[in-house]
């Protein structure tokens, strides 16, 4: 049975993805880190569900994407270390 990917659509975000990106990047960096950690965990959950459903290629790709988000999170942790002393 095919899955219904339309359940993943969040209409209020799709109308202005540039604004969404700007809003995320304008957050304090510790909150960007938290956001990225949530995104990583969500992708891992989705990947594991795909593995259980026999969609191995999707499992591998989502798992790899989650690891790339982890790498990005580590970079933002460095950014936060530099910037947090300047935050009010």
C-alpha atoms as a PDB file:
ATOM      1  CA  UNK A   1       0.000   0.000   0.000  1.00  0.00           C
ATOM      2  CA  UNK A   2       1.329   3.442  -0.932  1.00  0.00           C
ATOM      3  CA  UNK A   3       1.649   6.012   1.825  1.00  0.00           C
ATOM      4  CA  UNK A   4      -0.110   9.348   1.612  1.00  0.00           C
ATOM      5  CA  UNK A   5       2.648  11.958   1.492  1.00  0.00           C
ATOM      6  CA  UNK A   6       0.060  14.766   1.492  1.00  0.00           C
ATOM      7  CA  UNK A   7      -0.179  14.407   5.270  1.00  0.00           C
ATOM      8  CA  UNK A   8       3.268  16.019   5.457  1.00  0.00           C
ATOM      9  CA  UNK A   9       2.112  19.300   3.909  1.00  0.00           C
ATOM     10  CA  UNK A  10       1.839  22.232   6.309  1.00  0.00           C
ATOM     11  CA  UNK A  11       0.007  24.885   4.246  1.00  0.00           C
ATOM     12  CA  UNK A  12       0.737  27.857   6.504  1.00  0.00           C
ATOM     13  CA  UNK A  13       4.470  27.287   6.003  1.00  0.00           C
ATOM     14  CA  UNK A  14       4.401  26.516   2.295  1.00  0.00           C
ATOM     15  CA  UNK A  15       3.136  29.942   1.299  1.00  0.00           C
ATOM     16  CA  UNK A  16       6.407  31.687   2.245  1.00  0.00           C
ATOM     17  CA  UNK A  17       9.349  29.371   2.809  1.00  0.00           C
ATOM     18  CA  UNK A  18      11.765  32.295   2.546  1.00  0.00           C
ATOM     19  CA  UNK A  19      10.071  33.861   5.588  1.00  0.00           C
ATOM     20  CA  UNK A  20      10.213  30.550   7.458  1.00  0.00           C
ATOM     21  CA  UNK A  21      13.954  30.308   6.764  1.00  0.00           C
ATOM     22  CA  UNK A  22      14.503  33.908   7.829  1.00  0.00           C
ATOM     23  CA  UNK A  23      12.468  33.411  11.015  1.00  0.00           C
ATOM     24  CA  UNK A  24      14.478  30.328  11.953  1.00  0.00           C
ATOM     25  CA  UNK A  25      17.800  32.011  11.233  1.00  0.00           C
ATOM     26  CA  UNK A  26      16.741  35.103  13.213  1.00  0.00           C
ATOM     27  CA  UNK A  27      16.123  33.033  16.338  1.00  0.00           C
ATOM     28  CA  UNK A  28      18.798  33.064  19.039  1.00  0.00           C
ATOM     29  CA  UNK A  29      21.339  30.448  18.032  1.00  0.00           C
ATOM     30  CA  UNK A  30      20.629  28.254  21.041  1.00  0.00           C
ATOM     31  CA  UNK A  31      17.037  28.009  19.781  1.00  0.00           C
ATOM     32  CA  UNK A  32      18.252  27.213  16.261  1.00  0.00           C
ATOM     33  CA  UNK A  33      20.258  24.381  17.841  1.00  0.00           C
ATOM     34  CA  UNK A  34      17.137  23.138  19.627  1.00  0.00           C
ATOM     35  CA  UNK A  35      15.141  23.337  16.385  1.00  0.00           C
ATOM     36  CA  UNK A  36      17.805  21.354  14.511  1.00  0.00           C
ATOM     37  CA  UNK A  37      17.892  18.704  17.242  1.00  0.00           C
ATOM     38  CA  UNK A  38      14.120  18.288  16.925  1.00  0.00           C
ATOM     39  CA  UNK A  39      14.426  18.061  13.127  1.00  0.00           C
ATOM     40  CA  UNK A  40      17.132  15.400  13.438  1.00  0.00           C
ATOM     41  CA  UNK A  41      15.039  13.292  15.821  1.00  0.00           C
ATOM     42  CA  UNK A  42      11.978  13.606  13.554  1.00  0.00           C
ATOM     43  CA  UNK A  43      13.936  12.441  10.515  1.00  0.00           C
ATOM     44  CA  UNK A  44      15.316   9.482  12.476  1.00  0.00           C
ATOM     45  CA  UNK A  45      11.768   8.501  13.531  1.00  0.00           C
ATOM     46  CA  UNK A  46      10.577   8.785   9.934  1.00  0.00           C
ATOM     47  CA  UNK A  47      13.606   6.827   8.696  1.00  0.00           C
ATOM     48  CA  UNK A  48      12.970   4.033  11.175  1.00  0.00           C
ATOM     49  CA  UNK A  49       9.326   3.842  10.083  1.00  0.00           C
ATOM     50  CA  UNK A  50      10.469   3.586   6.475  1.00  0.00           C
ATOM     51  CA  UNK A  51      12.901   0.803   7.409  1.00  0.00           C
ATOM     52  CA  UNK A  52      10.097  -1.073   9.147  1.00  0.00           C
ATOM     53  CA  UNK A  53       7.961  -0.576   6.041  1.00  0.00           C
ATOM     54  CA  UNK A  54      10.632  -2.024   3.793  1.00  0.00           C
ATOM     55  CA  UNK A  55      11.519   1.281   2.157  1.00  0.00           C
ATOM     56  CA  UNK A  56      15.258   0.793   2.596  1.00  0.00           C
ATOM     57  CA  UNK A  57      16.463   3.442   0.147  1.00  0.00           C
ATOM     58  CA  UNK A  58      14.318   6.075   1.860  1.00  0.00           C
ATOM     59  CA  UNK A  59      15.552   4.853   5.260  1.00  0.00           C
ATOM     60  CA  UNK A  60      19.171   5.304   4.183  1.00  0.00           C
ATOM     61  CA  UNK A  61      18.590   8.732   2.647  1.00  0.00           C
ATOM     62  CA  UNK A  62      16.651  10.060   5.643  1.00  0.00           C
ATOM     63  CA  UNK A  63      19.218   8.671   8.067  1.00  0.00           C
ATOM     64  CA  UNK A  64      22.005  10.358   6.105  1.00  0.00           C
ATOM     65  CA  UNK A  65      20.041  13.605   6.123  1.00  0.00           C
ATOM     66  CA  UNK A  66      19.599  13.377   9.886  1.00  0.00           C
ATOM     67  CA  UNK A  67      23.355  12.939  10.315  1.00  0.00           C
ATOM     68  CA  UNK A  68      23.978  16.015   8.150  1.00  0.00           C
ATOM     69  CA  UNK A  69      21.616  17.973  10.378  1.00  0.00           C
ATOM     70  CA  UNK A  70      23.635  16.743  13.376  1.00  0.00           C
ATOM     71  CA  UNK A  71      26.793  18.101  11.718  1.00  0.00           C
ATOM     72  CA  UNK A  72      25.068  21.429  11.146  1.00  0.00           C
ATOM     73  CA  UNK A  73      23.935  21.475  14.761  1.00  0.00           C
ATOM     74  CA  UNK A  74      27.537  21.037  15.907  1.00  0.00           C
ATOM     75  CA  UNK A  75      28.563  24.024  13.787  1.00  0.00           C
ATOM     76  CA  UNK A  76      25.768  26.117  15.297  1.00  0.00           C
ATOM     77  CA  UNK A  77      26.997  25.114  18.756  1.00  0.00           C
ATOM     78  CA  UNK A  78      30.325  26.728  17.844  1.00  0.00           C
ATOM     79  CA  UNK A  79      28.507  29.822  16.588  1.00  0.00           C
ATOM     80  CA  UNK A  80      26.508  29.981  19.820  1.00  0.00           C
ATOM     81  CA  UNK A  81      29.679  29.776  21.920  1.00  0.00           C
ATOM     82  CA  UNK A  82      31.045  32.824  20.115  1.00  0.00           C
ATOM     83  CA  UNK A  83      27.806  34.816  20.152  1.00  0.00           C
ATOM     84  CA  UNK A  84      26.195  34.047  23.510  1.00  0.00           C
ATOM     85  CA  UNK A  85      28.351  36.505  25.433  1.00  0.00           C
ATOM     86  CA  UNK A  86      26.961  39.257  23.183  1.00  0.00           C
ATOM     87  CA  UNK A  87      23.310  38.286  23.718  1.00  0.00           C
ATOM     88  CA  UNK A  88      21.224  40.416  26.022  1.00  0.00           C
END
